[in-house]
N, C-alpha and C. Protein backbone atom coordinates (compact mmCIF):
# COMPACT_ATOMS: atom_id res chain seq x y z
N MET A 1 -2.40 -10.38 4.44
CA MET A 1 -3.07 -11.16 3.62
C MET A 1 -4.51 -10.74 4.14
N ILE A 2 -5.57 -10.35 2.92
CA ILE A 2 -6.61 -10.19 3.48
C ILE A 2 -7.55 -11.43 3.23
N ALA A 3 -8.42 -11.64 4.25
CA ALA A 3 -9.14 -12.83 4.19
C ALA A 3 -10.15 -12.66 3.04
N THR A 4 -10.51 -13.81 2.78
CA THR A 4 -11.65 -13.70 1.86
C THR A 4 -13.02 -13.48 2.30
N ALA A 5 -13.72 -12.46 1.37
CA ALA A 5 -14.87 -11.85 1.99
C ALA A 5 -16.01 -12.15 0.99
N PRO A 6 -17.29 -11.89 1.36
CA PRO A 6 -18.27 -12.02 0.34
C PRO A 6 -18.17 -11.35 -0.67
N GLU A 7 -18.58 -11.60 -1.93
CA GLU A 7 -18.50 -10.62 -3.18
C GLU A 7 -19.06 -9.30 -2.77
N ASN A 8 -18.35 -8.50 -3.18
CA ASN A 8 -18.71 -6.85 -2.79
C ASN A 8 -18.35 -5.99 -4.08
N PRO A 9 -19.28 -5.70 -5.01
CA PRO A 9 -18.91 -5.00 -6.14
C PRO A 9 -18.56 -3.59 -5.75
N PHE A 10 -18.92 -3.05 -4.60
CA PHE A 10 -18.18 -1.77 -4.07
C PHE A 10 -16.78 -1.94 -3.85
N TRP A 11 -16.32 -2.96 -3.04
CA TRP A 11 -14.83 -3.09 -3.05
C TRP A 11 -14.20 -3.11 -4.11
N ASP A 12 -14.79 -3.83 -5.11
CA ASP A 12 -14.02 -4.12 -6.59
C ASP A 12 -14.00 -2.79 -7.10
N PHE A 13 -15.16 -1.86 -7.10
CA PHE A 13 -14.93 -0.53 -7.71
C PHE A 13 -13.83 0.29 -7.11
N SER A 14 -13.87 0.27 -5.76
CA SER A 14 -13.00 0.98 -5.08
C SER A 14 -11.62 0.64 -5.14
N LEU A 15 -11.35 -0.63 -5.52
CA LEU A 15 -9.81 -0.82 -5.63
C LEU A 15 -9.37 0.10 -7.12
N LYS A 16 -10.26 -0.35 -8.09
CA LYS A 16 -10.01 0.21 -9.48
C LYS A 16 -10.01 1.68 -9.42
N ALA A 17 -11.04 2.20 -9.04
CA ALA A 17 -10.93 3.88 -8.76
C ALA A 17 -9.62 4.30 -7.95
N TYR A 18 -9.49 3.60 -6.60
CA TYR A 18 -8.33 4.29 -5.90
C TYR A 18 -7.16 4.17 -6.62
N ASP A 19 -6.82 3.24 -7.59
CA ASP A 19 -5.78 2.84 -8.06
C ASP A 19 -5.30 3.91 -9.53
N ARG A 20 -6.35 4.65 -9.93
CA ARG A 20 -6.41 5.58 -11.09
C ARG A 20 -5.38 6.76 -10.56
N THR A 21 -4.78 7.19 -11.62
CA THR A 21 -4.02 8.38 -11.33
C THR A 21 -4.59 9.56 -10.45
N GLY A 22 -3.79 9.82 -9.34
CA GLY A 22 -4.23 10.88 -8.41
C GLY A 22 -5.43 10.61 -7.57
N VAL A 23 -6.13 9.39 -7.56
CA VAL A 23 -7.29 9.29 -6.68
C VAL A 23 -6.97 9.04 -5.27
N ALA A 24 -6.01 8.41 -5.13
CA ALA A 24 -5.26 8.02 -3.69
C ALA A 24 -4.98 9.56 -3.01
N ALA A 25 -4.24 10.23 -3.69
CA ALA A 25 -3.61 11.52 -3.07
C ALA A 25 -4.89 12.54 -2.88
N ALA A 26 -6.03 12.49 -3.71
CA ALA A 26 -7.02 13.43 -3.67
C ALA A 26 -7.81 12.89 -2.36
N CYS A 27 -8.05 11.71 -2.10
CA CYS A 27 -8.75 11.04 -1.00
C CYS A 27 -7.92 11.58 0.20
N LEU A 28 -6.86 11.08 0.17
CA LEU A 28 -6.00 11.42 1.54
C LEU A 28 -5.88 12.79 1.75
N ALA A 29 -5.85 13.71 0.76
CA ALA A 29 -5.88 15.29 0.82
C ALA A 29 -7.01 15.64 1.59
N LEU A 30 -8.36 15.14 1.21
CA LEU A 30 -9.42 15.46 1.77
C LEU A 30 -9.54 14.77 3.23
N GLN A 31 -9.08 13.64 3.44
CA GLN A 31 -8.82 13.06 4.58
C GLN A 31 -8.16 13.87 5.59
N GLU A 32 -7.13 14.27 5.35
CA GLU A 32 -6.18 15.09 5.95
C GLU A 32 -6.69 16.39 6.25
N ARG A 33 -7.61 17.09 5.32
CA ARG A 33 -8.19 18.45 5.58
C ARG A 33 -9.26 18.52 6.67
N TYR A 34 -10.26 17.51 6.46
CA TYR A 34 -11.49 17.44 7.16
C TYR A 34 -11.74 15.88 8.03
N GLY A 35 -10.60 15.00 7.96
CA GLY A 35 -11.08 13.94 8.39
C GLY A 35 -12.11 13.01 8.18
N ILE A 36 -12.47 13.30 6.83
CA ILE A 36 -13.44 12.25 6.04
C ILE A 36 -12.87 10.95 5.97
N ASP A 37 -14.19 10.03 5.93
CA ASP A 37 -13.86 8.70 5.78
C ASP A 37 -13.80 8.37 4.38
N VAL A 38 -12.72 7.98 3.75
CA VAL A 38 -12.41 7.77 2.38
C VAL A 38 -13.44 6.72 1.90
N ASN A 39 -13.74 5.76 2.70
CA ASN A 39 -14.62 4.67 2.26
C ASN A 39 -16.25 5.40 2.00
N LEU A 40 -16.58 6.41 2.88
CA LEU A 40 -17.75 6.99 2.55
C LEU A 40 -17.89 7.76 1.23
N LEU A 41 -16.75 8.39 1.07
CA LEU A 41 -16.44 9.23 -0.22
C LEU A 41 -16.59 8.37 -1.33
N LEU A 42 -15.97 7.36 -1.27
CA LEU A 42 -15.75 6.23 -2.53
C LEU A 42 -17.39 5.64 -2.52
N PHE A 43 -18.00 5.44 -1.51
CA PHE A 43 -19.50 5.06 -1.53
C PHE A 43 -20.25 5.92 -2.24
N ALA A 44 -20.11 7.14 -1.85
CA ALA A 44 -20.93 8.28 -2.72
C ALA A 44 -20.70 8.16 -4.17
N ALA A 45 -19.46 8.07 -4.48
CA ALA A 45 -18.99 7.98 -5.99
C ALA A 45 -19.52 6.77 -6.44
N TRP A 46 -19.69 5.57 -5.83
CA TRP A 46 -20.00 4.32 -6.20
C TRP A 46 -21.27 4.45 -6.60
N ALA A 47 -22.21 4.79 -5.49
CA ALA A 47 -23.50 5.12 -5.86
C ALA A 47 -23.92 5.63 -7.31
N GLY A 48 -23.27 6.97 -7.46
CA GLY A 48 -23.31 7.60 -8.79
C GLY A 48 -22.96 6.85 -10.04
N HIS A 49 -22.04 6.11 -9.70
CA HIS A 49 -21.47 5.20 -10.71
C HIS A 49 -22.40 4.15 -11.14
N CYS A 50 -23.38 3.83 -10.25
CA CYS A 50 -24.32 2.72 -10.50
C CYS A 50 -25.69 3.46 -10.78
N GLY A 51 -25.53 4.70 -10.93
CA GLY A 51 -26.79 5.64 -11.34
C GLY A 51 -27.78 5.86 -10.36
N ARG A 52 -27.28 5.88 -9.11
CA ARG A 52 -28.09 6.15 -7.78
C ARG A 52 -27.61 7.40 -7.26
N GLY A 53 -28.46 8.30 -6.99
CA GLY A 53 -28.39 9.48 -6.27
C GLY A 53 -28.82 9.14 -4.64
N LEU A 54 -27.97 9.74 -3.87
CA LEU A 54 -28.17 9.44 -2.46
C LEU A 54 -29.06 10.53 -1.70
N SER A 55 -30.17 10.16 -0.90
CA SER A 55 -30.66 11.39 -0.18
C SER A 55 -30.01 11.70 0.96
N ALA A 56 -30.36 12.87 1.58
CA ALA A 56 -29.58 13.20 2.88
C ALA A 56 -29.84 12.10 3.79
N ASN A 57 -31.00 11.43 4.02
CA ASN A 57 -31.30 10.58 4.83
C ASN A 57 -30.46 9.17 4.74
N GLU A 58 -30.18 8.96 3.47
CA GLU A 58 -29.32 7.73 2.97
C GLU A 58 -28.04 8.05 3.27
N MET A 59 -27.47 9.18 3.11
CA MET A 59 -26.07 9.67 3.46
C MET A 59 -25.77 9.35 4.98
N ALA A 60 -26.85 10.03 5.72
CA ALA A 60 -26.80 10.14 7.23
C ALA A 60 -26.82 8.65 7.79
N GLY A 61 -27.57 7.67 7.14
CA GLY A 61 -27.49 6.35 7.69
C GLY A 61 -26.41 5.43 7.28
N VAL A 62 -25.76 5.86 6.28
CA VAL A 62 -24.43 5.14 6.00
C VAL A 62 -23.17 5.63 6.67
N ILE A 63 -23.35 7.17 7.18
CA ILE A 63 -22.19 7.78 7.84
C ILE A 63 -22.41 7.23 8.95
N THR A 64 -23.68 6.98 9.76
CA THR A 64 -24.08 6.31 11.18
C THR A 64 -23.32 4.88 11.04
N ALA A 65 -23.76 4.20 10.13
CA ALA A 65 -23.36 2.90 9.95
C ALA A 65 -21.97 2.36 10.07
N ALA A 66 -21.03 3.48 9.66
CA ALA A 66 -19.57 3.34 9.41
C ALA A 66 -19.02 3.98 10.68
N ALA A 67 -19.61 4.83 11.38
CA ALA A 67 -18.91 5.62 12.30
C ALA A 67 -18.18 4.82 13.31
N ALA A 68 -18.82 3.75 14.17
CA ALA A 68 -18.16 3.10 15.13
C ALA A 68 -16.98 2.24 14.67
N TRP A 69 -17.36 1.61 13.29
CA TRP A 69 -15.95 0.91 12.63
C TRP A 69 -14.92 1.96 12.33
N GLN A 70 -15.13 2.90 11.94
CA GLN A 70 -13.92 3.95 11.61
C GLN A 70 -13.38 4.42 13.01
N VAL A 71 -14.11 4.77 13.70
CA VAL A 71 -13.48 5.32 15.05
C VAL A 71 -12.71 4.09 15.88
N GLU A 72 -13.31 2.90 16.06
CA GLU A 72 -12.90 1.83 16.96
C GLU A 72 -11.92 0.92 16.18
N VAL A 73 -11.76 1.03 14.83
CA VAL A 73 -10.83 0.00 14.10
C VAL A 73 -10.06 0.56 13.03
N VAL A 74 -10.68 1.30 12.32
CA VAL A 74 -9.67 1.71 11.08
C VAL A 74 -8.84 3.07 11.60
N ARG A 75 -9.22 4.06 12.36
CA ARG A 75 -8.35 5.14 12.60
C ARG A 75 -7.25 4.62 13.75
N PRO A 76 -7.70 3.58 14.61
CA PRO A 76 -6.60 3.27 15.49
C PRO A 76 -5.43 2.52 14.80
N LEU A 77 -5.71 1.81 13.90
CA LEU A 77 -4.82 1.08 13.10
C LEU A 77 -3.85 2.05 12.30
N ARG A 78 -4.60 3.02 11.66
CA ARG A 78 -3.99 3.92 11.01
C ARG A 78 -2.92 4.76 11.89
N ALA A 79 -3.35 4.93 13.14
CA ALA A 79 -2.51 5.83 14.03
C ALA A 79 -1.31 4.86 14.48
N VAL A 80 -1.41 3.69 14.61
CA VAL A 80 -0.42 2.71 15.06
C VAL A 80 0.41 2.74 13.99
N ARG A 81 0.19 2.61 12.69
CA ARG A 81 1.20 2.67 11.45
C ARG A 81 1.77 3.88 11.46
N GLY A 82 1.23 4.89 11.60
CA GLY A 82 1.95 6.31 11.43
C GLY A 82 2.85 6.40 12.61
N TRP A 83 2.57 6.07 14.02
CA TRP A 83 3.32 6.09 14.97
C TRP A 83 4.54 5.13 14.68
N LEU A 84 4.31 3.90 14.24
CA LEU A 84 5.70 3.13 13.88
C LEU A 84 6.47 3.56 12.91
N LYS A 85 5.81 4.35 12.19
CA LYS A 85 6.72 5.01 11.03
C LYS A 85 7.72 6.01 11.54
N GLN A 86 7.63 6.38 12.59
CA GLN A 86 8.32 7.57 13.24
C GLN A 86 9.44 6.92 14.23
N GLN A 87 9.38 5.51 14.29
CA GLN A 87 10.11 5.08 15.49
C GLN A 87 11.36 4.65 15.05
N ALA A 88 12.49 5.09 15.80
CA ALA A 88 13.78 4.61 15.63
C ALA A 88 14.52 3.70 16.46
N GLU A 89 13.87 3.55 17.43
CA GLU A 89 14.23 2.56 18.46
C GLU A 89 14.39 1.01 18.17
N VAL A 90 13.78 0.57 17.12
CA VAL A 90 13.85 -0.97 16.72
C VAL A 90 14.59 -0.84 15.16
N PRO A 91 15.17 -1.94 15.03
CA PRO A 91 15.86 -2.29 13.88
C PRO A 91 14.90 -1.70 12.71
N GLU A 92 15.46 -1.22 11.74
CA GLU A 92 14.45 -0.65 10.62
C GLU A 92 13.67 -1.96 9.84
N ASP A 93 14.53 -2.77 9.49
CA ASP A 93 13.50 -4.05 8.84
C ASP A 93 12.60 -4.45 9.68
N LEU A 94 12.82 -4.72 11.07
CA LEU A 94 11.80 -5.18 11.96
C LEU A 94 10.51 -4.29 11.96
N GLY A 95 10.75 -3.08 12.01
CA GLY A 95 9.84 -2.07 12.15
C GLY A 95 9.15 -1.96 10.95
N GLN A 96 9.81 -2.01 9.83
CA GLN A 96 9.19 -1.97 8.32
C GLN A 96 8.26 -3.46 8.17
N ASP A 97 8.50 -4.40 8.78
CA ASP A 97 7.74 -5.65 8.81
C ASP A 97 6.47 -5.43 9.40
N LEU A 98 6.76 -4.91 10.88
CA LEU A 98 5.41 -4.50 11.69
C LEU A 98 4.45 -3.77 11.15
N ARG A 99 5.07 -2.44 10.48
CA ARG A 99 4.38 -1.46 9.73
C ARG A 99 3.59 -2.30 8.53
N GLY A 100 4.16 -3.31 8.04
CA GLY A 100 3.49 -3.75 6.72
C GLY A 100 2.44 -4.70 7.27
N GLN A 101 2.70 -5.28 8.48
CA GLN A 101 1.61 -6.07 8.75
C GLN A 101 0.23 -5.28 9.51
N VAL A 102 0.64 -4.17 10.17
CA VAL A 102 -0.43 -3.48 10.43
C VAL A 102 -1.25 -2.80 9.30
N LYS A 103 -0.23 -2.41 8.01
CA LYS A 103 -0.94 -1.92 7.07
C LYS A 103 -2.03 -2.84 6.34
N ALA A 104 -1.55 -4.11 6.36
CA ALA A 104 -2.49 -5.27 6.01
C ALA A 104 -3.74 -5.28 6.62
N LEU A 105 -3.69 -5.10 7.98
CA LEU A 105 -4.85 -5.16 8.85
C LEU A 105 -5.60 -3.89 8.60
N GLU A 106 -4.90 -2.72 8.37
CA GLU A 106 -5.74 -1.49 8.14
C GLU A 106 -6.63 -1.81 6.67
N LEU A 107 -5.98 -2.37 5.73
CA LEU A 107 -6.90 -2.62 4.69
C LEU A 107 -7.80 -3.53 4.71
N GLN A 108 -7.53 -4.63 5.62
CA GLN A 108 -8.79 -5.65 5.81
C GLN A 108 -9.93 -4.87 6.72
N ALA A 109 -9.46 -3.97 7.45
CA ALA A 109 -10.46 -3.27 8.11
C ALA A 109 -11.33 -2.32 7.23
N GLU A 110 -10.67 -1.69 6.27
CA GLU A 110 -11.11 -0.83 5.33
C GLU A 110 -12.10 -1.76 4.51
N MET A 111 -11.79 -2.79 4.02
CA MET A 111 -12.72 -4.02 3.12
C MET A 111 -13.66 -4.42 3.95
N LEU A 112 -13.58 -4.55 5.28
CA LEU A 112 -14.89 -4.90 6.05
C LEU A 112 -15.84 -3.76 6.39
N GLU A 113 -15.31 -2.46 6.34
CA GLU A 113 -16.08 -1.36 6.57
C GLU A 113 -16.77 -1.20 5.07
N GLN A 114 -16.22 -1.24 3.88
CA GLN A 114 -16.88 -1.34 2.75
C GLN A 114 -18.10 -2.55 2.60
N LEU A 115 -17.87 -3.57 3.14
CA LEU A 115 -18.72 -4.54 3.24
C LEU A 115 -19.98 -3.97 3.99
N LEU A 116 -19.55 -3.61 5.18
CA LEU A 116 -20.81 -3.04 6.33
C LEU A 116 -21.41 -2.00 5.29
N LEU A 117 -20.99 -1.18 4.68
CA LEU A 117 -21.70 -0.09 3.82
C LEU A 117 -22.43 -0.70 2.70
N HIS A 118 -21.98 -1.67 1.90
CA HIS A 118 -22.70 -2.27 0.92
C HIS A 118 -23.87 -3.03 1.62
N GLN A 119 -23.80 -3.61 2.80
CA GLN A 119 -24.79 -4.38 3.35
C GLN A 119 -26.09 -3.49 3.88
N THR A 120 -25.54 -2.22 4.25
CA THR A 120 -26.40 -1.24 5.04
C THR A 120 -27.31 -0.53 4.04
N LEU A 121 -26.79 -0.36 2.83
CA LEU A 121 -27.70 0.46 1.65
C LEU A 121 -27.29 -0.36 0.37
N ALA A 122 -28.03 -1.16 -0.10
CA ALA A 122 -28.12 -1.93 -1.24
C ALA A 122 -28.10 -1.05 -2.31
N ILE A 123 -26.96 -1.15 -3.31
CA ILE A 123 -27.00 -0.20 -4.52
C ILE A 123 -26.95 -1.26 -5.66
N GLU A 124 -27.94 -1.29 -6.57
CA GLU A 124 -27.82 -2.19 -7.44
C GLU A 124 -27.18 -1.40 -8.84
N PRO A 125 -26.36 -2.28 -9.57
CA PRO A 125 -25.69 -1.60 -10.58
C PRO A 125 -26.83 -1.06 -11.71
N GLY A 126 -26.13 0.18 -12.23
CA GLY A 126 -27.27 0.76 -13.09
C GLY A 126 -26.32 1.48 -14.19
N GLU A 127 -26.94 2.60 -14.90
CA GLU A 127 -26.26 3.12 -15.93
C GLU A 127 -25.55 4.31 -15.05
N PRO A 128 -23.90 4.37 -15.40
CA PRO A 128 -23.35 5.21 -14.59
C PRO A 128 -23.81 6.90 -14.93
N ASP A 129 -23.80 7.45 -13.76
CA ASP A 129 -24.21 8.90 -13.92
C ASP A 129 -23.23 9.78 -13.41
N PRO A 130 -22.16 10.54 -13.71
CA PRO A 130 -21.19 11.08 -13.08
C PRO A 130 -21.97 12.32 -12.45
N ARG A 131 -22.90 12.91 -12.90
CA ARG A 131 -23.50 14.14 -12.18
C ARG A 131 -23.99 13.47 -10.80
N LEU A 132 -24.74 12.36 -10.79
CA LEU A 132 -25.02 11.82 -9.52
C LEU A 132 -24.07 11.37 -8.57
N ALA A 133 -22.91 11.00 -9.27
CA ALA A 133 -21.70 10.89 -8.46
C ALA A 133 -21.02 12.01 -7.74
N ALA A 134 -20.94 13.07 -8.50
CA ALA A 134 -20.62 14.28 -8.18
C ALA A 134 -21.33 14.91 -6.92
N ALA A 135 -22.90 14.73 -7.23
CA ALA A 135 -23.72 15.31 -6.25
C ALA A 135 -23.84 14.30 -4.87
N ASN A 136 -23.47 13.25 -5.05
CA ASN A 136 -23.15 12.37 -3.93
C ASN A 136 -22.11 12.78 -3.04
N MET A 137 -20.83 12.84 -3.79
CA MET A 137 -19.69 13.20 -3.07
C MET A 137 -19.92 14.80 -2.35
N ARG A 138 -20.47 15.69 -3.26
CA ARG A 138 -20.65 17.06 -2.55
C ARG A 138 -21.68 16.80 -1.18
N LEU A 139 -22.64 15.92 -1.28
CA LEU A 139 -23.55 15.73 -0.13
C LEU A 139 -22.52 15.35 0.94
N TYR A 140 -21.79 14.24 0.84
CA TYR A 140 -20.93 13.85 1.89
C TYR A 140 -19.91 14.84 2.37
N LEU A 141 -19.20 15.70 1.53
CA LEU A 141 -18.19 16.63 1.81
C LEU A 141 -19.17 17.59 2.70
N ALA A 142 -20.48 17.99 2.50
CA ALA A 142 -21.06 19.03 3.04
C ALA A 142 -21.22 18.74 4.56
N SER A 143 -21.10 17.50 5.04
CA SER A 143 -21.30 17.21 6.42
C SER A 143 -19.91 17.93 7.10
N PHE A 144 -18.89 18.23 6.55
CA PHE A 144 -17.72 18.74 6.77
C PHE A 144 -17.54 20.36 6.71
N VAL A 145 -17.80 20.71 5.37
CA VAL A 145 -17.60 21.77 5.10
C VAL A 145 -18.84 22.58 4.27
N SER A 146 -19.27 23.85 4.60
CA SER A 146 -20.50 24.39 3.95
C SER A 146 -20.09 24.89 2.50
N LYS A 147 -18.72 25.29 2.27
CA LYS A 147 -18.56 25.76 1.03
C LYS A 147 -17.18 24.98 0.55
N PRO A 148 -17.09 24.20 -0.22
CA PRO A 148 -15.86 23.57 -0.56
C PRO A 148 -14.91 24.67 -1.44
N SER A 149 -13.53 24.49 -0.97
CA SER A 149 -12.49 25.30 -1.41
C SER A 149 -12.14 24.91 -2.99
N ASP A 150 -11.44 25.61 -3.61
CA ASP A 150 -11.01 25.19 -4.90
C ASP A 150 -10.22 23.92 -4.82
N ALA A 151 -9.37 23.81 -3.89
CA ALA A 151 -8.55 22.51 -3.79
C ALA A 151 -9.47 21.28 -3.53
N ASP A 152 -10.77 21.58 -2.64
CA ASP A 152 -11.61 20.65 -2.63
C ASP A 152 -12.28 20.07 -3.77
N THR A 153 -12.59 21.06 -4.53
CA THR A 153 -13.36 20.92 -5.82
C THR A 153 -12.45 20.03 -6.94
N ALA A 154 -11.12 20.58 -6.80
CA ALA A 154 -10.00 19.75 -7.67
C ALA A 154 -10.07 18.52 -7.22
N ASP A 155 -9.85 18.09 -5.94
CA ASP A 155 -9.86 16.78 -5.34
C ASP A 155 -10.92 15.94 -5.75
N LEU A 156 -12.15 16.56 -5.52
CA LEU A 156 -13.40 15.75 -5.94
C LEU A 156 -13.51 15.54 -7.41
N ALA A 157 -13.02 16.35 -8.25
CA ALA A 157 -12.98 16.12 -9.57
C ALA A 157 -12.18 15.09 -9.96
N VAL A 158 -10.92 14.84 -9.27
CA VAL A 158 -10.11 13.77 -9.54
C VAL A 158 -10.61 12.55 -9.23
N ILE A 159 -11.11 12.45 -8.15
CA ILE A 159 -11.90 11.41 -7.64
C ILE A 159 -13.07 10.90 -8.59
N LEU A 160 -13.82 11.82 -8.92
CA LEU A 160 -15.03 11.58 -9.86
C LEU A 160 -14.50 11.03 -11.14
N ARG A 161 -13.12 11.64 -11.77
CA ARG A 161 -12.75 10.85 -12.88
C ARG A 161 -12.02 9.36 -12.68
N GLY A 162 -11.72 9.16 -11.41
CA GLY A 162 -11.31 7.80 -11.06
C GLY A 162 -12.43 6.85 -11.01
N ALA A 163 -13.68 7.54 -10.61
CA ALA A 163 -14.99 6.63 -10.48
C ALA A 163 -15.71 6.40 -11.94
N CYS A 164 -15.52 7.63 -12.60
CA CYS A 164 -15.94 7.46 -13.90
C CYS A 164 -15.04 7.89 -14.98
N PRO A 165 -14.26 7.12 -15.40
CA PRO A 165 -12.95 7.49 -16.25
C PRO A 165 -13.42 7.89 -17.56
N GLU A 166 -14.46 7.83 -18.10
CA GLU A 166 -14.91 8.46 -19.22
C GLU A 166 -15.29 10.22 -19.23
N VAL A 167 -15.34 10.68 -17.85
CA VAL A 167 -15.56 11.90 -17.95
C VAL A 167 -14.32 12.82 -17.91
N THR A 168 -14.28 14.04 -18.83
CA THR A 168 -13.18 14.78 -19.09
C THR A 168 -12.78 15.57 -17.75
N PRO A 169 -11.72 16.19 -17.84
CA PRO A 169 -11.43 16.95 -16.49
C PRO A 169 -12.27 18.20 -16.50
N LEU A 170 -12.60 18.82 -17.66
CA LEU A 170 -13.57 19.95 -17.59
C LEU A 170 -14.75 19.41 -17.30
N GLU A 171 -15.42 18.42 -17.49
CA GLU A 171 -16.88 17.85 -17.40
C GLU A 171 -16.75 17.59 -15.82
N ALA A 172 -15.63 16.82 -15.27
CA ALA A 172 -15.78 16.71 -13.78
C ALA A 172 -15.91 17.99 -13.03
N ILE A 173 -14.99 19.03 -13.35
CA ILE A 173 -15.06 20.36 -12.79
C ILE A 173 -16.49 20.87 -12.78
N TRP A 174 -17.02 20.85 -13.95
CA TRP A 174 -18.37 21.42 -14.12
C TRP A 174 -19.41 20.84 -13.55
N SER A 175 -19.27 19.19 -13.30
CA SER A 175 -20.26 18.55 -12.65
C SER A 175 -20.32 18.88 -11.25
N LEU A 176 -19.15 19.09 -10.59
CA LEU A 176 -19.01 19.51 -9.19
C LEU A 176 -19.25 21.11 -8.98
N GLY A 177 -19.49 21.78 -9.83
CA GLY A 177 -19.91 23.20 -9.76
C GLY A 177 -21.23 23.54 -9.80
N ASN A 178 -21.89 22.39 -10.24
CA ASN A 178 -23.41 22.72 -10.69
C ASN A 178 -24.24 21.76 -9.52
């Protein structure tokens, strides 16, 4: 059970975007390929959804703000959950129950990281701008890879459509290519 946290429009946005078709898989594919922080990728998309482009300095600031939380809390919980998934030594029902509890803690840790990001760089709601969302996500991805592959672009396009559902698939790819 997730503890009640202060209102956070970024968290609300992330839950909706992540739940849209293909977004979770696209985020996890990028996480697997590069070790990205999905929360930062969603933050970049959210900023654009609010009509805000991020500068390189702002991106560096939120990356720095999230780094310790990601390394010390989120990733260890994810690793524990993954390790438990492979264990056959405990009865399956008990193992699944423990994994479920760890998954709930991991989700709470993600929510707290998003609260930290929201407090680090205040983004006011504005007119959604898919091109800014695309530029922000490319800026974040650039800290991992200098030239995104076609698979990276396809994954970013899915995430862009999750963030800005009014964008067509072709518009999403075009926004990410320019």
